[in-house]
Amino acid sequence: MESGSEIVVHLVGGRRVEAELGRHRVVTDQPRGNGGEDTAPSPFQLFLASLGTCAGVFVQGFCAKRGIPYEAIRLIERPMFAPDGYLQAVEFEVQVPPGFPPNYKEALLRVIDQCSVKRAIQSAPEFRARVSEGPFWPPVEPHEDRAR
């Protein structure tokens, strides 16, 4: 598991928001119907993609450790939503090529359960927020009209 280093989020403009993760940058935008320009995935799409890519890392590692070719394996992720729009379930389908060792098919399903993103969600972490003044903000100059 990676350490809890800071992620710095920049409000770029429009509905674009970027996150700085060490030397990486993640760009998000909103769909046009939600006021964005659809230039990048939405934050929720990235959240869903993090589940699928995490599961993929575990499947890939499982196969590599056993000398099983993994290049033709595909994971299909299907998010399912409740009538009120909330995420209700996420289903993964692992498509394996013909000739994939049958004795490892069930093990692939178990290895997906080890995905650290999935486990983080299941542990129901506490979320906290606070407001502070950053050192990069210019001080607010008092306006003469306010004193009257």
C-alpha atoms as a PDB file:
ATOM      1  CA  MET A   1       0.000   0.000   0.000  1.00  0.00           C
ATOM      2  CA  GLU A   2       1.261   3.468  -0.830  1.00  0.00           C
ATOM      3  CA  SER A   3       1.985   5.978   1.886  1.00  0.00           C
ATOM      4  CA  GLY A   4      -0.462   8.747   2.684  1.00  0.00           C
ATOM      5  CA  SER A   5       1.373  11.565   0.906  1.00  0.00           C
ATOM      6  CA  GLU A   6      -0.502  14.721   0.038  1.00  0.00           C
ATOM      7  CA  ILE A   7      -2.458  15.186  -3.153  1.00  0.00           C
ATOM      8  CA  VAL A   8      -2.732  18.828  -4.205  1.00  0.00           C
ATOM      9  CA  VAL A   9      -5.877  19.735  -6.136  1.00  0.00           C
ATOM     10  CA  HIS A  10      -5.964  22.733  -8.492  1.00  0.00           C
ATOM     11  CA  LEU A  11      -9.188  24.387  -9.663  1.00  0.00           C
ATOM     12  CA  VAL A  12      -8.223  25.070 -13.269  1.00  0.00           C
ATOM     13  CA  GLY A  13     -11.338  26.766 -14.604  1.00  0.00           C
ATOM     14  CA  GLY A  14     -14.687  25.888 -16.062  1.00  0.00           C
ATOM     15  CA  ARG A  15     -15.404  22.507 -14.495  1.00  0.00           C
ATOM     16  CA  ARG A  16     -11.807  21.247 -14.881  1.00  0.00           C
ATOM     17  CA  VAL A  17      -9.977  20.175 -11.768  1.00  0.00           C
ATOM     18  CA  GLU A  18      -6.469  18.709 -11.661  1.00  0.00           C
ATOM     19  CA  ALA A  19      -4.779  16.663  -8.965  1.00  0.00           C
ATOM     20  CA  GLU A  20      -1.034  16.588  -8.396  1.00  0.00           C
ATOM     21  CA  LEU A  21       0.139  13.205  -7.102  1.00  0.00           C
ATOM     22  CA  GLY A  22       3.896  13.432  -6.670  1.00  0.00           C
ATOM     23  CA  ARG A  23       5.246  13.749 -10.194  1.00  0.00           C
ATOM     24  CA  HIS A  24       1.926  12.750 -11.800  1.00  0.00           C
ATOM     25  CA  ARG A  25      -1.000  14.934 -12.757  1.00  0.00           C
ATOM     26  CA  VAL A  26      -4.589  13.714 -13.074  1.00  0.00           C
ATOM     27  CA  VAL A  27      -6.979  15.878 -15.069  1.00  0.00           C
ATOM     28  CA  THR A  28     -10.754  15.766 -14.657  1.00  0.00           C
ATOM     29  CA  ASP A  29     -13.643  17.567 -16.279  1.00  0.00           C
ATOM     30  CA  GLN A  30     -17.407  17.295 -16.224  1.00  0.00           C
ATOM     31  CA  PRO A  31     -19.595  16.194 -19.128  1.00  0.00           C
ATOM     32  CA  ARG A  32     -21.122  18.975 -21.227  1.00  0.00           C
ATOM     33  CA  GLY A  33     -24.519  18.257 -19.664  1.00  0.00           C
ATOM     34  CA  ASN A  34     -23.038  19.071 -16.272  1.00  0.00           C
ATOM     35  CA  GLY A  35     -21.406  22.359 -17.273  1.00  0.00           C
ATOM     36  CA  GLY A  36     -18.047  20.984 -18.362  1.00  0.00           C
ATOM     37  CA  GLU A  37     -16.352  20.590 -21.716  1.00  0.00           C
ATOM     38  CA  ASP A  38     -15.872  16.804 -21.487  1.00  0.00           C
ATOM     39  CA  THR A  39     -12.107  17.152 -22.067  1.00  0.00           C
ATOM     40  CA  ALA A  40     -11.243  14.468 -19.498  1.00  0.00           C
ATOM     41  CA  PRO A  41     -12.976  11.841 -17.373  1.00  0.00           C
ATOM     42  CA  SER A  42     -15.111  13.060 -14.502  1.00  0.00           C
ATOM     43  CA  PRO A  43     -13.872  12.408 -10.960  1.00  0.00           C
ATOM     44  CA  PHE A  44     -16.517   9.690 -10.555  1.00  0.00           C
ATOM     45  CA  GLN A  45     -15.389   7.994 -13.767  1.00  0.00           C
ATOM     46  CA  LEU A  46     -11.827   8.004 -12.410  1.00  0.00           C
ATOM     47  CA  PHE A  47     -13.096   6.491  -9.169  1.00  0.00           C
ATOM     48  CA  LEU A  48     -14.744   3.658 -11.112  1.00  0.00           C
ATOM     49  CA  ALA A  49     -11.650   3.254 -13.289  1.00  0.00           C
ATOM     50  CA  SER A  50      -9.500   2.973 -10.154  1.00  0.00           C
ATOM     51  CA  LEU A  51     -11.551  -0.061  -9.125  1.00  0.00           C
ATOM     52  CA  GLY A  52     -11.100  -1.746 -12.506  1.00  0.00           C
ATOM     53  CA  THR A  53      -7.425  -0.946 -12.871  1.00  0.00           C
ATOM     54  CA  CYS A  54      -6.714  -2.101  -9.326  1.00  0.00           C
ATOM     55  CA  ALA A  55      -8.463  -5.407 -10.013  1.00  0.00           C
ATOM     56  CA  GLY A  56      -6.445  -5.646 -13.234  1.00  0.00           C
ATOM     57  CA  VAL A  57      -3.155  -5.174 -11.375  1.00  0.00           C
ATOM     58  CA  PHE A  58      -4.053  -8.065  -9.068  1.00  0.00           C
ATOM     59  CA  VAL A  59      -5.109 -10.343 -11.943  1.00  0.00           C
ATOM     60  CA  GLN A  60      -1.970  -9.455 -13.886  1.00  0.00           C
ATOM     61  CA  GLY A  61       0.239 -10.150 -10.855  1.00  0.00           C
ATOM     62  CA  PHE A  62      -1.513 -13.471 -10.199  1.00  0.00           C
ATOM     63  CA  CYS A  63      -0.921 -14.620 -13.767  1.00  0.00           C
ATOM     64  CA  ALA A  64       2.653 -13.327 -13.962  1.00  0.00           C
ATOM     65  CA  LYS A  65       3.571 -15.165 -10.762  1.00  0.00           C
ATOM     66  CA  ARG A  66       2.352 -18.421 -12.321  1.00  0.00           C
ATOM     67  CA  GLY A  67       3.781 -17.870 -15.798  1.00  0.00           C
ATOM     68  CA  ILE A  68       0.308 -17.547 -17.335  1.00  0.00           C
ATOM     69  CA  PRO A  69       0.102 -15.144 -20.291  1.00  0.00           C
ATOM     70  CA  TYR A  70      -2.219 -12.285 -19.342  1.00  0.00           C
ATOM     71  CA  GLU A  71      -2.166 -10.061 -22.427  1.00  0.00           C
ATOM     72  CA  ALA A  72      -5.448 -11.485 -23.809  1.00  0.00           C
ATOM     73  CA  ILE A  73      -7.322 -11.269 -20.486  1.00  0.00           C
ATOM     74  CA  ARG A  74      -9.931  -8.510 -20.249  1.00  0.00           C
ATOM     75  CA  LEU A  75     -11.782  -7.247 -17.217  1.00  0.00           C
ATOM     76  CA  ILE A  76     -15.204  -5.780 -17.857  1.00  0.00           C
ATOM     77  CA  GLU A  77     -16.480  -3.594 -15.028  1.00  0.00           C
ATOM     78  CA  ARG A  78     -20.202  -2.913 -14.791  1.00  0.00           C
ATOM     79  CA  PRO A  79     -21.323  -0.336 -12.260  1.00  0.00           C
ATOM     80  CA  MET A  80     -24.971  -0.675 -11.240  1.00  0.00           C
ATOM     81  CA  PHE A  81     -26.935   2.259  -9.915  1.00  0.00           C
ATOM     82  CA  ALA A  82     -29.966   2.481  -7.670  1.00  0.00           C
ATOM     83  CA  PRO A  83     -33.033   4.391  -8.916  1.00  0.00           C
ATOM     84  CA  ASP A  84     -31.859   7.444  -6.934  1.00  0.00           C
ATOM     85  CA  GLY A  85     -28.559   7.423  -8.887  1.00  0.00           C
ATOM     86  CA  TYR A  86     -26.289   6.107  -6.143  1.00  0.00           C
ATOM     87  CA  LEU A  87     -23.788   3.378  -6.872  1.00  0.00           C
ATOM     88  CA  GLN A  88     -25.389   0.152  -5.714  1.00  0.00           C
ATOM     89  CA  ALA A  89     -23.001  -2.541  -6.919  1.00  0.00           C
ATOM     90  CA  VAL A  90     -19.996  -3.148  -9.122  1.00  0.00           C
ATOM     91  CA  GLU A  91     -19.678  -6.348 -11.114  1.00  0.00           C
ATOM     92  CA  PHE A  92     -16.480  -7.616 -12.693  1.00  0.00           C
ATOM     93  CA  GLU A  93     -16.388 -10.094 -15.538  1.00  0.00           C
ATOM     94  CA  VAL A  94     -13.013 -11.644 -16.283  1.00  0.00           C
ATOM     95  CA  GLN A  95     -12.766 -12.741 -19.904  1.00  0.00           C
ATOM     96  CA  VAL A  96     -10.008 -15.291 -20.413  1.00  0.00           C
ATOM     97  CA  PRO A  97      -8.704 -16.637 -23.720  1.00  0.00           C
ATOM     98  CA  PRO A  98      -9.350 -20.215 -24.844  1.00  0.00           C
ATOM     99  CA  GLY A  99      -6.906 -22.561 -23.175  1.00  0.00           C
ATOM    100  CA  PHE A 100      -6.703 -20.571 -19.943  1.00  0.00           C
ATOM    101  CA  PRO A 101      -5.961 -23.113 -17.168  1.00  0.00           C
ATOM    102  CA  PRO A 102      -9.424 -24.074 -15.791  1.00  0.00           C
ATOM    103  CA  ASN A 103      -8.053 -24.691 -12.286  1.00  0.00           C
ATOM    104  CA  TYR A 104      -7.183 -20.962 -12.008  1.00  0.00           C
ATOM    105  CA  LYS A 105     -10.540 -19.480 -13.050  1.00  0.00           C
ATOM    106  CA  GLU A 106     -12.020 -19.380  -9.535  1.00  0.00           C
ATOM    107  CA  ALA A 107      -8.732 -18.096  -8.162  1.00  0.00           C
ATOM    108  CA  LEU A 108      -8.992 -15.086 -10.491  1.00  0.00           C
ATOM    109  CA  LEU A 109     -12.256 -14.143  -8.806  1.00  0.00           C
ATOM    110  CA  ARG A 110     -10.681 -14.445  -5.361  1.00  0.00           C
ATOM    111  CA  VAL A 111      -7.681 -12.337  -6.354  1.00  0.00           C
ATOM    112  CA  ILE A 112      -9.993  -9.504  -7.469  1.00  0.00           C
ATOM    113  CA  ASP A 113     -11.297  -9.420  -3.889  1.00  0.00           C
ATOM    114  CA  GLN A 114      -7.784  -8.413  -2.791  1.00  0.00           C
ATOM    115  CA  CYS A 115      -7.944  -5.130  -4.725  1.00  0.00           C
ATOM    116  CA  SER A 116      -6.797  -2.401  -2.334  1.00  0.00           C
ATOM    117  CA  VAL A 117      -9.225   0.197  -3.745  1.00  0.00           C
ATOM    118  CA  LYS A 118     -12.162  -2.148  -3.123  1.00  0.00           C
ATOM    119  CA  ARG A 119     -10.876  -2.928   0.369  1.00  0.00           C
ATOM    120  CA  ALA A 120     -10.489   0.776   1.167  1.00  0.00           C
ATOM    121  CA  ILE A 121     -14.129   1.389   0.271  1.00  0.00           C
ATOM    122  CA  GLN A 122     -15.299  -1.631   2.243  1.00  0.00           C
ATOM    123  CA  SER A 123     -13.455  -0.435   5.349  1.00  0.00           C
ATOM    124  CA  ALA A 124     -15.595   2.749   5.272  1.00  0.00           C
ATOM    125  CA  PRO A 125     -12.865   5.285   6.049  1.00  0.00           C
ATOM    126  CA  GLU A 126     -13.756   8.463   7.881  1.00  0.00           C
ATOM    127  CA  PHE A 127     -13.702  11.611   5.756  1.00  0.00           C
ATOM    128  CA  ARG A 128     -12.773  14.967   7.269  1.00  0.00           C
ATOM    129  CA  ALA A 129     -12.585  18.465   5.785  1.00  0.00           C
ATOM    130  CA  ARG A 130     -11.409  21.839   7.068  1.00  0.00           C
ATOM    131  CA  VAL A 131     -10.810  25.332   5.737  1.00  0.00           C
ATOM    132  CA  SER A 132      -7.475  27.112   6.139  1.00  0.00           C
ATOM    133  CA  GLU A 133      -5.773  30.089   4.561  1.00  0.00           C
ATOM    134  CA  GLY A 134      -2.979  29.013   2.279  1.00  0.00           C
ATOM    135  CA  PRO A 135       0.337  30.868   2.099  1.00  0.00           C
ATOM    136  CA  PHE A 136      -0.175  31.458  -1.628  1.00  0.00           C
ATOM    137  CA  TRP A 137      -3.260  33.659  -1.178  1.00  0.00           C
ATOM    138  CA  PRO A 138      -2.658  37.414  -1.227  1.00  0.00           C
ATOM    139  CA  PRO A 139      -3.840  39.167   1.915  1.00  0.00           C
ATOM    140  CA  VAL A 140      -7.219  40.835   1.595  1.00  0.00           C
ATOM    141  CA  GLU A 141      -6.834  44.619   1.500  1.00  0.00           C
ATOM    142  CA  PRO A 142      -9.548  46.460   3.426  1.00  0.00           C
ATOM    143  CA  HIS A 143     -11.841  48.383   1.109  1.00  0.00           C
ATOM    144  CA  GLU A 144     -12.435  52.043   2.055  1.00  0.00           C
ATOM    145  CA  ASP A 145     -16.195  51.800   1.438  1.00  0.00           C
ATOM    146  CA  ARG A 146     -16.513  48.976   3.993  1.00  0.00           C
ATOM    147  CA  ALA A 147     -15.510  51.235   6.867  1.00  0.00           C
ATOM    148  CA  ARG A 148     -18.513  53.518   6.358  1.00  0.00           C
END
